[in-house]
Amino acid sequence: MSMSSHLQELQKKHQHLSDAVAAAQRAPGTDDLMIADLKKQKLKLKEEISRLSRV
């Protein structure tokens, strides 16, 4: 897998998590811990994307 395609895949996963967070925040009764976990996953992906983009 090339670096470019790997970055694209990470960006797709990041966008999917963004959508999941937004949907969870709109849904009544969503567990705050689940939202926090999704946000942590999203942040880790963002950091990985940033790190790989600098290389």
Protein backbone atom coordinates (compact mmCIF):
# COMPACT_ATOMS: atom_id res chain seq x y z
CA MET A 1 0.00 0.00 0.00
CA SER A 2 1.42 3.36 -0.97
CA MET A 3 1.67 6.20 1.52
CA SER A 4 -0.89 8.21 -0.41
CA SER A 5 -3.50 5.45 -0.37
CA HIS A 6 -2.80 4.79 3.32
CA LEU A 7 -3.39 8.47 4.11
CA GLN A 8 -6.62 8.43 2.09
CA GLU A 9 -7.82 5.39 4.01
CA LEU A 10 -7.04 7.08 7.34
CA GLN A 11 -8.89 10.21 6.20
CA LYS A 12 -11.94 8.10 5.28
CA LYS A 13 -11.89 6.48 8.72
CA HIS A 14 -11.57 9.93 10.33
CA GLN A 15 -14.57 11.20 8.36
CA HIS A 16 -16.57 8.11 9.30
CA LEU A 17 -15.81 8.74 12.98
CA SER A 18 -16.79 12.41 12.58
CA ASP A 19 -20.13 11.30 11.18
CA ALA A 20 -20.56 8.77 13.98
CA VAL A 21 -19.83 11.40 16.66
CA ALA A 22 -22.29 13.84 15.10
CA ALA A 23 -25.00 11.19 14.90
CA ALA A 24 -24.38 10.06 18.48
CA GLN A 25 -24.58 13.63 19.76
CA ARG A 26 -27.93 14.14 18.02
CA ALA A 27 -29.42 10.89 19.30
CA PRO A 28 -31.22 11.17 22.63
CA GLY A 29 -29.91 8.97 25.39
CA THR A 30 -26.53 8.28 23.81
CA ASP A 31 -23.89 7.22 26.31
CA ASP A 32 -21.40 10.03 26.93
CA LEU A 33 -18.60 7.49 27.40
CA MET A 34 -19.25 6.10 23.92
CA ILE A 35 -19.05 9.60 22.43
CA ALA A 36 -15.82 10.27 24.34
CA ASP A 37 -14.36 7.01 23.02
CA LEU A 38 -15.28 7.91 19.44
CA LYS A 39 -13.66 11.32 19.89
CA LYS A 40 -10.46 9.72 21.23
CA GLN A 41 -10.31 7.39 18.23
CA LYS A 42 -10.86 10.35 15.93
CA LEU A 43 -8.06 12.32 17.61
CA LYS A 44 -5.63 9.39 17.31
CA LEU A 45 -6.39 9.14 13.60
CA LYS A 46 -5.92 12.88 13.17
CA GLU A 47 -2.55 12.71 14.91
CA GLU A 48 -1.50 9.75 12.74
CA ILE A 49 -2.57 11.57 9.56
CA SER A 50 -0.65 14.65 10.65
CA ARG A 51 2.45 12.63 11.52
CA LEU A 52 2.45 10.78 8.20
CA SER A 53 1.79 13.96 6.23
CA ARG A 54 4.96 15.55 7.57
CA VAL A 55 7.16 12.68 6.36
